[in-house]
């Protein structure tokens, strides 16, 4: 498993988490939606993105590594 492949998986997973957050916040008030957007904008690392949705980033990385092993 290459670091490049893992980085790509982390980027994809980050985008999926952000997409889920935006979908969830569509049902909230405009103020809550704007607050969510501000929090998303502040999140720079995978750990911070995972924390936005109360996910354990270490577990997420382990899952991504397992996915990569399964693709070989």
PDB file of N, CA and C in Angstrom:
ATOM      1  N   UNK A   1       0.856  -1.177   0.000  1.00  0.00           N
ATOM      2  CA  UNK A   1       0.000   0.000   0.000  1.00  0.00           C
ATOM      3  C   UNK A   1       0.897   1.234   0.000  1.00  0.00           C
ATOM      4  N   UNK A   2       0.668   2.093  -0.934  1.00  0.00           N
ATOM      5  CA  UNK A   2       1.497   3.293  -1.017  1.00  0.00           C
ATOM      6  C   UNK A   2       0.874   4.438  -0.228  1.00  0.00           C
ATOM      7  N   UNK A   3       1.742   5.335   0.199  1.00  0.00           N
ATOM      8  CA  UNK A   3       1.266   6.522   0.901  1.00  0.00           C
ATOM      9  C   UNK A   3       0.388   7.372  -0.002  1.00  0.00           C
ATOM     10  N   UNK A   4       0.724   7.401  -1.285  1.00  0.00           N
ATOM     11  CA  UNK A   4      -0.059   8.181  -2.239  1.00  0.00           C
ATOM     12  C   UNK A   4      -1.486   7.639  -2.343  1.00  0.00           C
ATOM     13  N   UNK A   5      -1.617   6.327  -2.381  1.00  0.00           N
ATOM     14  CA  UNK A   5      -2.947   5.709  -2.455  1.00  0.00           C
ATOM     15  C   UNK A   5      -3.743   6.009  -1.191  1.00  0.00           C
ATOM     16  N   UNK A   6      -3.089   5.952  -0.034  1.00  0.00           N
ATOM     17  CA  UNK A   6      -3.781   6.248   1.228  1.00  0.00           C
ATOM     18  C   UNK A   6      -4.187   7.712   1.280  1.00  0.00           C
ATOM     19  N   UNK A   7      -3.307   8.605   0.835  1.00  0.00           N
ATOM     20  CA  UNK A   7      -3.650  10.033   0.806  1.00  0.00           C
ATOM     21  C   UNK A   7      -4.864  10.283  -0.076  1.00  0.00           C
ATOM     22  N   UNK A   8      -4.925   9.599  -1.201  1.00  0.00           N
ATOM     23  CA  UNK A   8      -6.064   9.755  -2.108  1.00  0.00           C
ATOM     24  C   UNK A   8      -7.353   9.255  -1.441  1.00  0.00           C
ATOM     25  N   UNK A   9      -7.257   8.123  -0.746  1.00  0.00           N
ATOM     26  CA  UNK A   9      -8.434   7.590  -0.034  1.00  0.00           C
ATOM     27  C   UNK A   9      -8.889   8.552   1.063  1.00  0.00           C
ATOM     28  N   UNK A  10      -7.935   9.153   1.776  1.00  0.00           N
ATOM     29  CA  UNK A  10      -8.267  10.106   2.836  1.00  0.00           C
ATOM     30  C   UNK A  10      -8.960  11.325   2.235  1.00  0.00           C
ATOM     31  N   UNK A  11      -8.464  11.791   1.109  1.00  0.00           N
ATOM     32  CA  UNK A  11      -9.085  12.944   0.434  1.00  0.00           C
ATOM     33  C   UNK A  11     -10.518  12.610   0.013  1.00  0.00           C
ATOM     34  N   UNK A  12     -10.715  11.426  -0.566  1.00  0.00           N
ATOM     35  CA  UNK A  12     -12.059  11.000  -0.966  1.00  0.00           C
ATOM     36  C   UNK A  12     -12.988  10.912   0.239  1.00  0.00           C
ATOM     37  N   UNK A  13     -12.480  10.327   1.333  1.00  0.00           N
ATOM     38  CA  UNK A  13     -13.305  10.168   2.535  1.00  0.00           C
ATOM     39  C   UNK A  13     -13.634  11.529   3.138  1.00  0.00           C
ATOM     40  N   UNK A  14     -12.684  12.450   3.122  1.00  0.00           N
ATOM     41  CA  UNK A  14     -12.936  13.807   3.626  1.00  0.00           C
ATOM     42  C   UNK A  14     -14.075  14.454   2.848  1.00  0.00           C
ATOM     43  N   UNK A  15     -14.026  14.317   1.537  1.00  0.00           N
ATOM     44  CA  UNK A  15     -15.082  14.889   0.697  1.00  0.00           C
ATOM     45  C   UNK A  15     -16.433  14.240   0.980  1.00  0.00           C
ATOM     46  N   UNK A  16     -16.442  12.928   1.232  1.00  0.00           N
ATOM     47  CA  UNK A  16     -17.689  12.232   1.557  1.00  0.00           C
ATOM     48  C   UNK A  16     -18.266  12.737   2.879  1.00  0.00           C
ATOM     49  N   UNK A  17     -17.410  12.922   3.871  1.00  0.00           N
ATOM     50  CA  UNK A  17     -17.867  13.405   5.179  1.00  0.00           C
ATOM     51  C   UNK A  17     -18.429  14.812   5.051  1.00  0.00           C
ATOM     52  N   UNK A  18     -17.738  15.675   4.313  1.00  0.00           N
ATOM     53  CA  UNK A  18     -18.223  17.049   4.114  1.00  0.00           C
ATOM     54  C   UNK A  18     -19.559  17.033   3.381  1.00  0.00           C
ATOM     55  N   UNK A  19     -19.676  16.191   2.382  1.00  0.00           N
ATOM     56  CA  UNK A  19     -20.933  16.085   1.642  1.00  0.00           C
ATOM     57  C   UNK A  19     -22.072  15.642   2.565  1.00  0.00           C
ATOM     58  N   UNK A  20     -21.808  14.667   3.425  1.00  0.00           N
ATOM     59  CA  UNK A  20     -22.836  14.214   4.376  1.00  0.00           C
ATOM     60  C   UNK A  20     -23.232  15.332   5.326  1.00  0.00           C
ATOM     61  N   UNK A  21     -22.259  16.102   5.789  1.00  0.00           N
ATOM     62  CA  UNK A  21     -22.553  17.229   6.678  1.00  0.00           C
ATOM     63  C   UNK A  21     -23.436  18.260   5.996  1.00  0.00           C
ATOM     64  N   UNK A  22     -23.138  18.560   4.742  1.00  0.00           N
ATOM     65  CA  UNK A  22     -23.939  19.542   4.007  1.00  0.00           C
ATOM     66  C   UNK A  22     -25.354  19.035   3.770  1.00  0.00           C
ATOM     67  N   UNK A  23     -25.492  17.757   3.470  1.00  0.00           N
ATOM     68  CA  UNK A  23     -26.823  17.182   3.269  1.00  0.00           C
ATOM     69  C   UNK A  23     -27.614  17.235   4.567  1.00  0.00           C
ATOM     70  N   UNK A  24     -26.963  16.878   5.677  1.00  0.00           N
ATOM     71  CA  UNK A  24     -27.628  16.918   6.980  1.00  0.00           C
ATOM     72  C   UNK A  24     -28.051  18.336   7.354  1.00  0.00           C
ATOM     73  N   UNK A  25     -27.223  19.307   7.030  1.00  0.00           N
ATOM     74  CA  UNK A  25     -27.522  20.677   7.447  1.00  0.00           C
ATOM     75  C   UNK A  25     -28.559  21.354   6.557  1.00  0.00           C
ATOM     76  N   UNK A  26     -28.891  20.740   5.417  1.00  0.00           N
ATOM     77  CA  UNK A  26     -29.929  21.315   4.561  1.00  0.00           C
ATOM     78  C   UNK A  26     -31.278  21.386   5.277  1.00  0.00           C
ATOM     79  N   UNK A  27     -31.504  20.485   6.218  1.00  0.00           N
ATOM     80  CA  UNK A  27     -32.776  20.427   6.929  1.00  0.00           C
ATOM     81  C   UNK A  27     -32.810  21.340   8.155  1.00  0.00           C
ATOM     82  N   UNK A  28     -31.721  22.059   8.393  1.00  0.00           N
ATOM     83  CA  UNK A  28     -31.652  22.946   9.546  1.00  0.00           C
ATOM     84  C   UNK A  28     -31.985  24.383   9.123  1.00  0.00           C
ATOM     85  N   UNK A  29     -32.017  25.260  10.099  1.00  0.00           N
ATOM     86  CA  UNK A  29     -32.267  26.669   9.784  1.00  0.00           C
ATOM     87  C   UNK A  29     -31.072  27.242   9.032  1.00  0.00           C
ATOM     88  N   UNK A  30     -31.289  28.362   8.387  1.00  0.00           N
ATOM     89  CA  UNK A  30     -30.224  28.993   7.607  1.00  0.00           C
ATOM     90  C   UNK A  30     -29.049  29.373   8.505  1.00  0.00           C
ATOM     91  N   UNK A  31     -29.344  29.759   9.741  1.00  0.00           N
ATOM     92  CA  UNK A  31     -28.275  30.127  10.674  1.00  0.00           C
ATOM     93  C   UNK A  31     -27.398  28.914  10.994  1.00  0.00           C
ATOM     94  N   UNK A  32     -28.039  27.773  11.249  1.00  0.00           N
ATOM     95  CA  UNK A  32     -27.289  26.546  11.529  1.00  0.00           C
ATOM     96  C   UNK A  32     -26.492  26.102  10.313  1.00  0.00           C
ATOM     97  N   UNK A  33     -27.089  26.250   9.152  1.00  0.00           N
ATOM     98  CA  UNK A  33     -26.404  25.890   7.911  1.00  0.00           C
ATOM     99  C   UNK A  33     -25.146  26.738   7.731  1.00  0.00           C
ATOM    100  N   UNK A  34     -25.260  28.033   7.978  1.00  0.00           N
ATOM    101  CA  UNK A  34     -24.112  28.933   7.844  1.00  0.00           C
ATOM    102  C   UNK A  34     -23.030  28.615   8.875  1.00  0.00           C
ATOM    103  N   UNK A  35     -23.459  28.254  10.092  1.00  0.00           N
ATOM    104  CA  UNK A  35     -22.493  27.854  11.112  1.00  0.00           C
ATOM    105  C   UNK A  35     -21.752  26.588  10.689  1.00  0.00           C
ATOM    106  N   UNK A  36     -22.487  25.642  10.121  1.00  0.00           N
ATOM    107  CA  UNK A  36     -21.854  24.416   9.634  1.00  0.00           C
ATOM    108  C   UNK A  36     -20.832  24.729   8.541  1.00  0.00           C
ATOM    109  N   UNK A  37     -21.193  25.630   7.642  1.00  0.00           N
ATOM    110  CA  UNK A  37     -20.260  26.018   6.577  1.00  0.00           C
ATOM    111  C   UNK A  37     -18.987  26.639   7.148  1.00  0.00           C
ATOM    112  N   UNK A  38     -19.148  27.464   8.189  1.00  0.00           N
ATOM    113  CA  UNK A  38     -17.979  28.071   8.821  1.00  0.00           C
ATOM    114  C   UNK A  38     -17.083  27.010   9.454  1.00  0.00           C
ATOM    115  N   UNK A  39     -17.684  26.031  10.106  1.00  0.00           N
ATOM    116  CA  UNK A  39     -16.911  24.959  10.736  1.00  0.00           C
ATOM    117  C   UNK A  39     -16.197  24.117   9.685  1.00  0.00           C
ATOM    118  N   UNK A  40     -16.863  23.845   8.597  1.00  0.00           N
ATOM    119  CA  UNK A  40     -16.244  23.072   7.511  1.00  0.00           C
ATOM    120  C   UNK A  40     -15.053  23.836   6.951  1.00  0.00           C
ATOM    121  N   UNK A  41     -15.225  25.126   6.788  1.00  0.00           N
ATOM    122  CA  UNK A  41     -14.153  25.954   6.235  1.00  0.00           C
ATOM    123  C   UNK A  41     -12.925  25.961   7.156  1.00  0.00           C
ATOM    124  N   UNK A  42     -13.144  25.906   8.471  1.00  0.00           N
ATOM    125  CA  UNK A  42     -12.045  25.917   9.438  1.00  0.00           C
ATOM    126  C   UNK A  42     -11.295  24.587   9.467  1.00  0.00           C
ATOM    127  N   UNK A  43     -11.964  23.508   9.134  1.00  0.00           N
ATOM    128  CA  UNK A  43     -11.357  22.178   9.225  1.00  0.00           C
ATOM    129  C   UNK A  43     -10.305  22.003   8.133  1.00  0.00           C
ATOM    130  N   UNK A  44      -9.071  21.833   8.539  1.00  0.00           N
ATOM    131  CA  UNK A  44      -7.967  21.717   7.586  1.00  0.00           C
ATOM    132  C   UNK A  44      -7.412  20.293   7.499  1.00  0.00           C
ATOM    133  N   UNK A  45      -7.546  19.526   8.563  1.00  0.00           N
ATOM    134  CA  UNK A  45      -6.970  18.184   8.591  1.00  0.00           C
ATOM    135  C   UNK A  45      -8.077  17.133   8.570  1.00  0.00           C
ATOM    136  N   UNK A  46      -7.686  15.915   8.249  1.00  0.00           N
ATOM    137  CA  UNK A  46      -8.639  14.814   8.243  1.00  0.00           C
ATOM    138  C   UNK A  46      -9.229  14.607   9.634  1.00  0.00           C
ATOM    139  N   UNK A  47      -8.407  14.763  10.652  1.00  0.00           N
ATOM    140  CA  UNK A  47      -8.876  14.621  12.035  1.00  0.00           C
ATOM    141  C   UNK A  47      -9.969  15.654  12.332  1.00  0.00           C
ATOM    142  N   UNK A  48      -9.752  16.889  11.924  1.00  0.00           N
ATOM    143  CA  UNK A  48     -10.742  17.940  12.165  1.00  0.00           C
ATOM    144  C   UNK A  48     -12.023  17.679  11.395  1.00  0.00           C
ATOM    145  N   UNK A  49     -11.895  17.191  10.180  1.00  0.00           N
ATOM    146  CA  UNK A  49     -13.083  16.878   9.376  1.00  0.00           C
ATOM    147  C   UNK A  49     -13.870  15.744  10.029  1.00  0.00           C
ATOM    148  N   UNK A  50     -13.173  14.723  10.489  1.00  0.00           N
ATOM    149  CA  UNK A  50     -13.848  13.612  11.177  1.00  0.00           C
ATOM    150  C   UNK A  50     -14.560  14.096  12.439  1.00  0.00           C
ATOM    151  N   UNK A  51     -13.909  14.991  13.169  1.00  0.00           N
ATOM    152  CA  UNK A  51     -14.504  15.516  14.400  1.00  0.00           C
ATOM    153  C   UNK A  51     -15.797  16.275  14.139  1.00  0.00           C
ATOM    154  N   UNK A  52     -15.935  16.850  12.966  1.00  0.00           N
ATOM    155  CA  UNK A  52     -17.172  17.570  12.632  1.00  0.00           C
ATOM    156  C   UNK A  52     -18.384  16.642  12.660  1.00  0.00           C
ATOM    157  N   UNK A  53     -18.149  15.381  12.395  1.00  0.00           N
ATOM    158  CA  UNK A  53     -19.245  14.413  12.382  1.00  0.00           C
ATOM    159  C   UNK A  53     -19.077  13.361  13.481  1.00  0.00           C
ATOM    160  N   UNK A  54     -18.299  13.719  14.510  1.00  0.00           N
ATOM    161  CA  UNK A  54     -18.063  12.850  15.665  1.00  0.00           C
ATOM    162  C   UNK A  54     -17.573  11.468  15.258  1.00  0.00           C
ATOM    163  N   UNK A  55     -16.638  11.449  14.338  1.00  0.00           N
ATOM    164  CA  UNK A  55     -16.039  10.193  13.879  1.00  0.00           C
ATOM    165  C   UNK A  55     -14.635  10.087  14.445  1.00  0.00           C
ATOM    166  N   UNK A  56     -14.215   8.864  14.721  1.00  0.00           N
ATOM    167  CA  UNK A  56     -12.864   8.595  15.197  1.00  0.00           C
ATOM    168  C   UNK A  56     -11.947   8.506  13.984  1.00  0.00           C
ATOM    169  N   UNK A  57     -11.061   9.485  13.832  1.00  0.00           N
ATOM    170  CA  UNK A  57     -10.229   9.528  12.628  1.00  0.00           C
ATOM    171  C   UNK A  57      -9.285   8.334  12.531  1.00  0.00           C
ATOM    172  N   UNK A  58      -8.838   7.810  13.663  1.00  0.00           N
ATOM    173  CA  UNK A  58      -7.956   6.639  13.629  1.00  0.00           C
ATOM    174  C   UNK A  58      -8.696   5.424  13.078  1.00  0.00           C
ATOM    175  N   UNK A  59      -9.931   5.275  13.498  1.00  0.00           N
ATOM    176  CA  UNK A  59     -10.762   4.181  12.983  1.00  0.00           C
ATOM    177  C   UNK A  59     -11.025   4.357  11.496  1.00  0.00           C
ATOM    178  N   UNK A  60     -11.273   5.587  11.083  1.00  0.00           N
ATOM    179  CA  UNK A  60     -11.496   5.871   9.665  1.00  0.00           C
ATOM    180  C   UNK A  60     -10.261   5.499   8.837  1.00  0.00           C
ATOM    181  N   UNK A  61      -9.080   5.843   9.334  1.00  0.00           N
ATOM    182  CA  UNK A  61      -7.847   5.523   8.610  1.00  0.00           C
ATOM    183  C   UNK A  61      -7.646   4.010   8.540  1.00  0.00           C
ATOM    184  N   UNK A  62      -7.926   3.311   9.631  1.00  0.00           N
ATOM    185  CA  UNK A  62      -7.817   1.848   9.610  1.00  0.00           C
ATOM    186  C   UNK A  62      -8.763   1.251   8.574  1.00  0.00           C
ATOM    187  N   UNK A  63      -9.971   1.770   8.505  1.00  0.00           N
ATOM    188  CA  UNK A  63     -10.937   1.293   7.511  1.00  0.00           C
ATOM    189  C   UNK A  63     -10.448   1.552   6.087  1.00  0.00           C
ATOM    190  N   UNK A  64      -9.846   2.718   5.876  1.00  0.00           N
ATOM    191  CA  UNK A  64      -9.333   3.049   4.543  1.00  0.00           C
ATOM    192  C   UNK A  64      -8.168   2.122   4.171  1.00  0.00           C
ATOM    193  N   UNK A  65      -7.313   1.816   5.137  1.00  0.00           N
ATOM    194  CA  UNK A  65      -6.203   0.889   4.881  1.00  0.00           C
ATOM    195  C   UNK A  65      -6.735  -0.498   4.522  1.00  0.00           C
ATOM    196  N   UNK A  66      -7.795  -0.922   5.215  1.00  0.00           N
ATOM    197  CA  UNK A  66      -8.410  -2.214   4.909  1.00  0.00           C
ATOM    198  C   UNK A  66      -8.985  -2.214   3.496  1.00  0.00           C
ATOM    199  N   UNK A  67      -9.615  -1.109   3.128  1.00  0.00           N
ATOM    200  CA  UNK A  67     -10.161  -0.998   1.769  1.00  0.00           C
ATOM    201  C   UNK A  67      -9.042  -1.135   0.729  1.00  0.00           C
ATOM    202  N   UNK A  68      -7.920  -0.468   0.985  1.00  0.00           N
ATOM    203  CA  UNK A  68      -6.796  -0.537   0.058  1.00  0.00           C
ATOM    204  C   UNK A  68      -6.255  -1.965  -0.057  1.00  0.00           C
ATOM    205  N   UNK A  69      -6.185  -2.656   1.064  1.00  0.00           N
ATOM    206  CA  UNK A  69      -5.714  -4.049   1.034  1.00  0.00           C
ATOM    207  C   UNK A  69      -6.658  -4.917   0.228  1.00  0.00           C
ATOM    208  N   UNK A  70      -7.965  -4.635   0.324  1.00  0.00           N
ATOM    209  CA  UNK A  70      -8.961  -5.405  -0.401  1.00  0.00           C
ATOM    210  C   UNK A  70      -8.941  -5.151  -1.894  1.00  0.00           C
ATOM    211  N   UNK A  71      -8.399  -4.009  -2.307  1.00  0.00           N
ATOM    212  CA  UNK A  71      -8.362  -3.657  -3.728  1.00  0.00           C
ATOM    213  C   UNK A  71      -7.209  -4.332  -4.457  1.00  0.00           C
ATOM    214  N   UNK A  72      -6.265  -4.880  -3.725  1.00  0.00           N
ATOM    215  CA  UNK A  72      -5.099  -5.511  -4.367  1.00  0.00           C
ATOM    216  C   UNK A  72      -5.383  -6.899  -4.815  1.00  0.00           C
TER     217      UNK A  72
END
